[in-house]
Amino acid sequence: MNPDPHLSGLSGTVVHDAVVPARAPWLHHVAAGQTLRIVDLEGNQAVDFLLYSAADDAERYSAQDTVAAQGNLFLRKGTVLRSNEGRPMMTIADTAVEYHDTIGGACSSESNTLRYGRHTKAEHACVENFLEANLLEGRGKRDIVSNINFFMNVPVEQDGSLGIVDGISAPGLTVDLRAEMDVIVVVSNCPQVNNPCNGFNPTPVRMIVTA
């Protein structure tokens, strides 16, 4: 039996393994000490990502605290993902791509309409995915905060503007996140088709949790 290449380098026992379809949401509780591996199965797929403390979901991921603490806009190996209380939630233990984004935001019906025209208003978007997943545990639209975009390439230009350009991932590339507290992970497997963040073709991703 051939070994699963997506498990290479992971230690511990697999306690959860799921493929998230293209354009779909995903929610899972990850305990402190466990590792979540996100696998970009077909390449160039953005994974929009939120975190909440399992003990009190009023404590949640803060892009501002994370960026301020590390003094850099991009998330790389070793980056500590911090909460709005300044506490470590997860750490990027390893990543097969150079960096990830936390300033590009999540696509929505409103932003799609503004950027790409009224004909896109009915298209599914990440905010709807976040809302669908969060409603399972009683959270609403007010609980959707600035998110992480794993595998997404959002360069900051010399004039300070942001670009959304071709991704820097490839089939089978991964990012590993070690939980520093008990967390709730909420994901939107980005459905965007109007810019290159998913290569104009959203595809599945795999979520593997080890303990």
Protein backbone atom coordinates (compact mmCIF):
# COMPACT_ATOMS: atom_id res chain seq x y z
CA MET A 1 0.00 0.00 0.00
CA ASN A 2 1.46 3.35 -1.04
CA PRO A 3 1.82 5.93 1.77
CA ASP A 4 -0.42 8.98 1.64
CA PRO A 5 1.81 11.85 0.44
CA HIS A 6 -0.44 14.40 2.16
CA LEU A 7 0.51 12.92 5.55
CA SER A 8 4.26 13.23 4.97
CA GLY A 9 6.00 14.93 7.89
CA LEU A 10 2.96 14.83 10.18
CA SER A 11 3.39 13.22 13.57
CA GLY A 12 0.73 11.77 15.83
CA THR A 13 -2.56 10.07 15.03
CA VAL A 14 -5.06 11.37 12.47
CA VAL A 15 -8.23 12.27 14.40
CA HIS A 16 -10.07 14.07 11.60
CA ASP A 17 -9.71 13.93 7.82
CA ALA A 18 -12.11 15.67 5.45
CA VAL A 19 -12.19 16.94 1.90
CA VAL A 20 -13.99 20.29 1.68
CA PRO A 21 -15.70 20.61 -1.71
CA ALA A 22 -15.13 23.63 -3.92
CA ARG A 23 -17.10 26.69 -2.74
CA ALA A 24 -18.09 25.02 0.56
CA PRO A 25 -17.78 25.98 4.26
CA TRP A 26 -16.16 23.86 7.00
CA LEU A 27 -16.15 24.09 10.81
CA HIS A 28 -14.15 21.99 13.26
CA HIS A 29 -12.96 22.18 16.87
CA VAL A 30 -9.20 21.73 17.25
CA ALA A 31 -7.81 21.07 20.73
CA ALA A 32 -4.67 22.66 22.13
CA GLY A 33 -1.64 20.70 20.98
CA GLN A 34 -3.33 19.28 17.91
CA THR A 35 -2.14 20.17 14.40
CA LEU A 36 -4.34 21.11 11.47
CA ARG A 37 -2.88 20.54 8.00
CA ILE A 38 -4.58 22.27 5.06
CA VAL A 39 -3.82 20.63 1.71
CA ASP A 40 -4.32 22.54 -1.53
CA LEU A 41 -5.31 19.47 -3.55
CA GLU A 42 -5.32 20.90 -7.08
CA GLY A 43 -3.33 24.11 -6.60
CA ASN A 44 -4.06 27.84 -6.60
CA GLN A 45 -7.03 27.58 -4.21
CA ALA A 46 -7.56 30.31 -1.60
CA VAL A 47 -8.73 29.11 1.82
CA ASP A 48 -10.45 31.84 3.86
CA PHE A 49 -9.99 31.14 7.56
CA LEU A 50 -11.39 32.35 10.90
CA LEU A 51 -10.57 31.33 14.47
CA TYR A 52 -12.57 31.54 17.70
CA SER A 53 -11.63 30.49 21.21
CA ALA A 54 -13.59 27.37 22.14
CA ALA A 55 -13.78 28.57 25.75
CA ASP A 56 -15.31 31.95 24.84
CA ASP A 57 -15.98 32.78 21.21
CA ALA A 58 -15.95 36.52 21.98
CA GLU A 59 -12.19 35.96 21.81
CA ARG A 60 -11.33 35.47 18.16
CA TYR A 61 -8.56 35.91 15.58
CA SER A 62 -7.25 39.45 15.23
CA ALA A 63 -5.36 40.40 12.07
CA GLN A 64 -4.34 43.67 13.76
CA ASP A 65 -2.80 42.00 16.83
CA THR A 66 -1.10 39.35 14.70
CA VAL A 67 0.46 41.84 12.29
CA ALA A 68 1.47 44.28 15.05
CA ALA A 69 3.11 41.58 17.15
CA GLN A 70 5.27 40.23 14.33
CA GLY A 71 5.87 43.57 12.56
CA ASN A 72 5.07 42.13 9.14
CA LEU A 73 1.95 42.02 6.94
CA PHE A 74 2.49 38.48 5.66
CA LEU A 75 2.03 35.23 7.55
CA ARG A 76 4.97 32.86 7.34
CA LYS A 77 6.42 29.81 9.10
CA GLY A 78 6.62 30.68 12.79
CA THR A 79 3.86 33.31 12.70
CA VAL A 80 1.72 33.24 15.84
CA LEU A 81 -1.96 33.85 15.07
CA ARG A 82 -3.16 36.07 17.92
CA SER A 83 -6.58 36.86 19.32
CA ASN A 84 -8.19 40.20 20.08
CA GLU A 85 -6.89 39.61 23.63
CA GLY A 86 -3.36 39.34 22.26
CA ARG A 87 -3.11 35.65 23.15
CA PRO A 88 -1.64 32.95 20.87
CA MET A 89 -4.37 30.90 19.20
CA MET A 90 -2.42 28.90 16.61
CA THR A 91 1.11 28.91 15.22
CA ILE A 92 2.10 28.29 11.60
CA ALA A 93 4.36 25.33 12.33
CA ASP A 94 5.24 24.76 8.69
CA THR A 95 4.24 25.94 5.24
CA ALA A 96 5.14 24.80 1.74
CA VAL A 97 4.51 28.28 0.31
CA GLU A 98 6.48 31.37 1.23
CA TYR A 99 3.69 33.43 2.78
CA HIS A 100 -0.06 33.81 3.29
CA ASP A 101 -2.38 36.84 3.36
CA THR A 102 -4.37 38.44 6.17
CA ILE A 103 -5.28 41.83 4.67
CA GLY A 104 -7.16 40.92 1.47
CA GLY A 105 -10.41 40.14 3.30
CA ALA A 106 -13.24 37.82 2.33
CA CYS A 107 -15.32 38.17 -0.80
CA SER A 108 -19.00 39.04 -0.36
CA SER A 109 -22.03 39.78 -2.50
CA GLU A 110 -21.50 43.48 -1.82
CA SER A 111 -17.79 43.56 -2.67
CA ASN A 112 -18.31 41.43 -5.78
CA THR A 113 -20.99 43.85 -6.99
CA LEU A 114 -18.76 46.85 -6.35
CA ARG A 115 -15.66 45.37 -7.99
CA TYR A 116 -17.08 43.27 -10.81
CA GLY A 117 -20.59 44.55 -11.57
CA ARG A 118 -24.19 43.95 -10.61
CA HIS A 119 -24.35 40.73 -12.61
CA THR A 120 -22.23 39.08 -9.87
CA LYS A 121 -24.63 39.94 -7.02
CA ALA A 122 -26.18 36.46 -6.84
CA GLU A 123 -22.83 34.64 -6.85
CA HIS A 124 -21.91 32.68 -3.73
CA ALA A 125 -19.15 34.27 -1.65
CA CYS A 126 -16.97 33.65 1.41
CA VAL A 127 -19.04 35.81 3.76
CA GLU A 128 -22.04 33.58 3.06
CA ASN A 129 -19.91 30.49 3.78
CA PHE A 130 -18.68 31.97 7.06
CA LEU A 131 -22.23 32.85 8.04
CA GLU A 132 -23.54 29.37 7.16
CA ALA A 133 -20.87 27.67 9.28
CA ASN A 134 -21.08 30.11 12.20
CA LEU A 135 -24.87 29.82 12.43
CA LEU A 136 -24.37 26.18 13.45
CA GLU A 137 -23.03 27.46 16.77
CA GLY A 138 -25.13 30.59 17.20
CA ARG A 139 -22.74 33.15 15.75
CA GLY A 140 -23.94 35.72 13.24
CA LYS A 141 -22.66 38.26 10.75
CA ARG A 142 -21.33 40.54 13.49
CA ASP A 143 -18.97 37.73 14.50
CA ILE A 144 -17.23 37.62 11.11
CA VAL A 145 -13.94 39.48 11.58
CA SER A 146 -10.91 40.12 9.37
CA ASN A 147 -9.77 36.73 8.14
CA ILE A 148 -6.72 34.87 6.90
CA ASN A 149 -6.42 33.83 3.24
CA PHE A 150 -4.18 30.79 3.08
CA PHE A 151 -2.43 30.24 -0.28
CA MET A 152 -3.67 33.62 -1.55
CA ASN A 153 -1.25 36.11 -3.10
CA VAL A 154 -2.05 39.73 -2.20
CA PRO A 155 1.06 41.81 -2.89
CA VAL A 156 1.37 45.36 -1.57
CA GLU A 157 2.45 47.62 -4.43
CA GLN A 158 4.91 50.51 -4.10
CA ASP A 159 2.05 53.02 -4.02
CA GLY A 160 0.42 51.13 -1.15
CA SER A 161 -2.35 49.55 -3.23
CA LEU A 162 -3.22 45.87 -2.93
CA GLY A 163 -3.26 43.42 -5.80
CA ILE A 164 -5.05 40.07 -6.08
CA VAL A 165 -2.93 38.07 -8.47
CA ASP A 166 -2.15 34.47 -9.40
CA GLY A 167 -1.62 32.26 -6.37
CA ILE A 168 1.75 30.94 -5.26
CA SER A 169 0.51 27.44 -4.44
CA ALA A 170 0.54 24.22 -6.43
CA PRO A 171 -1.16 20.80 -6.21
CA GLY A 172 -0.44 19.05 -2.91
CA LEU A 173 1.15 21.99 -1.10
CA THR A 174 0.31 22.37 2.57
CA VAL A 175 0.26 24.62 5.63
CA ASP A 176 0.42 23.21 9.18
CA LEU A 177 -1.16 25.02 12.13
CA ARG A 178 -0.51 24.01 15.75
CA ALA A 179 -3.27 24.94 18.19
CA GLU A 180 -2.04 26.89 21.22
CA MET A 181 -5.49 26.85 22.83
CA ASP A 182 -8.74 25.01 22.16
CA VAL A 183 -10.07 26.70 19.02
CA ILE A 184 -12.98 26.66 16.60
CA VAL A 185 -11.77 26.79 13.01
CA VAL A 186 -14.18 28.16 10.40
CA VAL A 187 -13.23 27.94 6.74
CA SER A 188 -14.65 29.13 3.45
CA ASN A 189 -13.17 27.23 0.55
CA CYS A 190 -13.27 30.37 -1.55
CA PRO A 191 -15.85 30.36 -4.38
CA GLN A 192 -14.50 33.47 -6.12
CA VAL A 193 -14.44 33.24 -9.94
CA ASN A 194 -13.95 36.92 -10.84
CA ASN A 195 -10.26 37.28 -9.98
CA PRO A 196 -7.22 34.96 -10.16
CA CYS A 197 -7.13 33.98 -6.44
CA ASN A 198 -8.51 30.53 -7.36
CA GLY A 199 -7.30 30.47 -10.94
CA PHE A 200 -10.93 31.30 -11.90
CA ASN A 201 -11.75 27.67 -11.01
CA PRO A 202 -12.50 26.84 -7.34
CA THR A 203 -11.33 23.35 -6.30
CA PRO A 204 -11.49 21.10 -3.19
CA VAL A 205 -9.08 21.23 -0.25
CA ARG A 206 -8.30 18.63 2.41
CA MET A 207 -8.30 19.20 6.19
CA ILE A 208 -6.28 16.78 8.35
CA VAL A 209 -6.10 17.05 12.16
CA THR A 210 -3.53 15.06 14.15
CA ALA A 211 -3.09 14.62 17.88
